[in-house]
Amino acid sequence: MVTTPFSATEGPVKIPRPGLLDLLGRAKWDAWKKREALSRIQAQEAYVETLMGILKGFSDRPEAVELINELRNFGLDPDEHTGKLFYLISGVSRITSL
């Protein structure tokens, strides 16, 4: 399953679909397009749920436990959550690349 933070942070798709040779770009674009009807808040909630699922697979690492706790407390205050979401995404990327 491909998931993308774009619908959660950028809103509806605003760019053309990548070319045939860009398989990853197309998969991300398709996932973004699929969630285009979601509100920004709904998309962020769905993305946070996806991040929780990924992090639970790394629950033996202290960094993952810390991010899981932050995700559990993820408040959907529209004025603060987009930056917080980017912070959490970067933490997940750091953990899953170890």
C-alpha atoms as a PDB file:
ATOM      1  CA  MET A   1       0.000   0.000   0.000  1.00  0.00           C
ATOM      2  CA  VAL A   2       1.309   3.396  -0.931  1.00  0.00           C
ATOM      3  CA  THR A   3       0.355   6.295   1.252  1.00  0.00           C
ATOM      4  CA  THR A   4       1.290   9.908   0.929  1.00  0.00           C
ATOM      5  CA  PRO A   5       1.273  12.951   3.187  1.00  0.00           C
ATOM      6  CA  PHE A   6       0.436  15.220   0.242  1.00  0.00           C
ATOM      7  CA  SER A   7      -3.341  15.076   0.699  1.00  0.00           C
ATOM      8  CA  ALA A   8      -2.780  15.860   4.384  1.00  0.00           C
ATOM      9  CA  THR A   9      -0.405  18.772   3.831  1.00  0.00           C
ATOM     10  CA  GLU A  10      -1.067  20.103   0.331  1.00  0.00           C
ATOM     11  CA  GLY A  11      -4.759  19.419  -0.238  1.00  0.00           C
ATOM     12  CA  PRO A  12      -6.077  18.425  -3.679  1.00  0.00           C
ATOM     13  CA  VAL A  13      -3.743  17.374  -6.500  1.00  0.00           C
ATOM     14  CA  LYS A  14      -2.372  20.415  -8.354  1.00  0.00           C
ATOM     15  CA  ILE A  15       0.281  18.833 -10.557  1.00  0.00           C
ATOM     16  CA  PRO A  16       0.043  16.569 -13.609  1.00  0.00           C
ATOM     17  CA  ARG A  17       0.543  12.830 -13.227  1.00  0.00           C
ATOM     18  CA  PRO A  18       4.220  11.819 -13.619  1.00  0.00           C
ATOM     19  CA  GLY A  19       5.344  10.014 -16.772  1.00  0.00           C
ATOM     20  CA  LEU A  20       5.313   6.249 -17.337  1.00  0.00           C
ATOM     21  CA  LEU A  21       8.947   5.754 -16.350  1.00  0.00           C
ATOM     22  CA  ASP A  22       8.506   7.403 -12.957  1.00  0.00           C
ATOM     23  CA  LEU A  23       6.863   4.440 -11.218  1.00  0.00           C
ATOM     24  CA  LEU A  24       7.312   5.747  -7.680  1.00  0.00           C
ATOM     25  CA  GLY A  25       6.102   9.219  -8.642  1.00  0.00           C
ATOM     26  CA  ARG A  26       3.037   7.728 -10.321  1.00  0.00           C
ATOM     27  CA  ALA A  27       2.259   5.541  -7.288  1.00  0.00           C
ATOM     28  CA  LYS A  28       2.506   8.548  -4.974  1.00  0.00           C
ATOM     29  CA  TRP A  29       0.417  10.697  -7.325  1.00  0.00           C
ATOM     30  CA  ASP A  30      -2.244   7.966  -7.613  1.00  0.00           C
ATOM     31  CA  ALA A  31      -2.399   7.613  -3.811  1.00  0.00           C
ATOM     32  CA  TRP A  32      -2.708  11.401  -3.497  1.00  0.00           C
ATOM     33  CA  LYS A  33      -5.448  11.520  -6.137  1.00  0.00           C
ATOM     34  CA  LYS A  34      -7.323   8.644  -4.482  1.00  0.00           C
ATOM     35  CA  ARG A  35      -7.571  10.658  -1.255  1.00  0.00           C
ATOM     36  CA  GLU A  36      -8.353  13.962  -2.953  1.00  0.00           C
ATOM     37  CA  ALA A  37     -11.974  13.965  -1.733  1.00  0.00           C
ATOM     38  CA  LEU A  38     -10.885  13.859   1.926  1.00  0.00           C
ATOM     39  CA  SER A  39     -10.745  17.064   3.885  1.00  0.00           C
ATOM     40  CA  ARG A  40      -7.287  18.070   5.048  1.00  0.00           C
ATOM     41  CA  ILE A  41      -8.153  16.985   8.596  1.00  0.00           C
ATOM     42  CA  GLN A  42      -9.488  13.593   7.430  1.00  0.00           C
ATOM     43  CA  ALA A  43      -6.355  13.058   5.331  1.00  0.00           C
ATOM     44  CA  GLN A  44      -4.122  13.925   8.280  1.00  0.00           C
ATOM     45  CA  GLU A  45      -6.009  11.539  10.561  1.00  0.00           C
ATOM     46  CA  ALA A  46      -5.655   8.753   7.969  1.00  0.00           C
ATOM     47  CA  TYR A  47      -1.945   9.470   7.574  1.00  0.00           C
ATOM     48  CA  VAL A  48      -1.381   9.452  11.331  1.00  0.00           C
ATOM     49  CA  GLU A  49      -3.125   6.053  11.514  1.00  0.00           C
ATOM     50  CA  THR A  50      -0.795   4.771   8.784  1.00  0.00           C
ATOM     51  CA  LEU A  51       2.249   6.125  10.631  1.00  0.00           C
ATOM     52  CA  MET A  52       1.097   4.390  13.819  1.00  0.00           C
ATOM     53  CA  GLY A  53       0.900   1.097  11.960  1.00  0.00           C
ATOM     54  CA  ILE A  54       4.440   1.512  10.628  1.00  0.00           C
ATOM     55  CA  LEU A  55       5.872   2.562  13.982  1.00  0.00           C
ATOM     56  CA  LYS A  56       4.311  -0.356  15.843  1.00  0.00           C
ATOM     57  CA  GLY A  57       6.569  -2.601  13.757  1.00  0.00           C
ATOM     58  CA  PHE A  58       9.559  -0.778  15.267  1.00  0.00           C
ATOM     59  CA  SER A  59       8.299  -0.621  18.868  1.00  0.00           C
ATOM     60  CA  ASP A  60      11.540  -2.144  20.124  1.00  0.00           C
ATOM     61  CA  ARG A  61      13.308   1.154  19.318  1.00  0.00           C
ATOM     62  CA  PRO A  62      13.077   4.047  21.796  1.00  0.00           C
ATOM     63  CA  GLU A  63      12.661   6.596  18.982  1.00  0.00           C
ATOM     64  CA  ALA A  64       9.625   4.714  17.687  1.00  0.00           C
ATOM     65  CA  VAL A  65       8.058   4.565  21.153  1.00  0.00           C
ATOM     66  CA  GLU A  66       8.576   8.315  21.504  1.00  0.00           C
ATOM     67  CA  LEU A  67       6.907   8.989  18.150  1.00  0.00           C
ATOM     68  CA  ILE A  68       4.052   6.581  18.940  1.00  0.00           C
ATOM     69  CA  ASN A  69       3.366   8.572  22.107  1.00  0.00           C
ATOM     70  CA  GLU A  70       3.429  11.819  20.145  1.00  0.00           C
ATOM     71  CA  LEU A  71       1.058  10.398  17.556  1.00  0.00           C
ATOM     72  CA  ARG A  72      -1.338   9.293  20.283  1.00  0.00           C
ATOM     73  CA  ASN A  73      -1.419  12.908  21.455  1.00  0.00           C
ATOM     74  CA  PHE A  74      -1.700  14.272  17.916  1.00  0.00           C
ATOM     75  CA  GLY A  75      -4.105  17.161  18.275  1.00  0.00           C
ATOM     76  CA  LEU A  76      -5.896  18.211  15.154  1.00  0.00           C
ATOM     77  CA  ASP A  77      -5.621  21.931  15.777  1.00  0.00           C
ATOM     78  CA  PRO A  78      -5.552  23.311  12.215  1.00  0.00           C
ATOM     79  CA  ASP A  79      -3.132  26.075  13.189  1.00  0.00           C
ATOM     80  CA  GLU A  80      -0.404  23.780  14.520  1.00  0.00           C
ATOM     81  CA  HIS A  81      -0.765  20.262  13.136  1.00  0.00           C
ATOM     82  CA  THR A  82       0.771  20.609   9.658  1.00  0.00           C
ATOM     83  CA  GLY A  83       4.216  21.439  11.071  1.00  0.00           C
ATOM     84  CA  LYS A  84       3.790  18.735  13.684  1.00  0.00           C
ATOM     85  CA  LEU A  85       2.885  16.241  10.950  1.00  0.00           C
ATOM     86  CA  PHE A  86       6.073  17.057   9.023  1.00  0.00           C
ATOM     87  CA  TYR A  87       8.087  16.568  12.225  1.00  0.00           C
ATOM     88  CA  LEU A  88       6.488  13.168  12.811  1.00  0.00           C
ATOM     89  CA  ILE A  89       6.997  12.101   9.185  1.00  0.00           C
ATOM     90  CA  SER A  90      10.693  12.944   9.376  1.00  0.00           C
ATOM     91  CA  GLY A  91      10.987  10.944  12.598  1.00  0.00           C
ATOM     92  CA  VAL A  92       9.334   7.917  11.005  1.00  0.00           C
ATOM     93  CA  SER A  93      11.658   8.179   8.005  1.00  0.00           C
ATOM     94  CA  ARG A  94      14.658   8.295  10.333  1.00  0.00           C
ATOM     95  CA  ILE A  95      13.523   5.199  12.263  1.00  0.00           C
ATOM     96  CA  THR A  96      12.511   3.062   9.302  1.00  0.00           C
ATOM     97  CA  SER A  97      15.776   3.780   7.467  1.00  0.00           C
ATOM     98  CA  LEU A  98      17.964   2.443  10.316  1.00  0.00           C
END
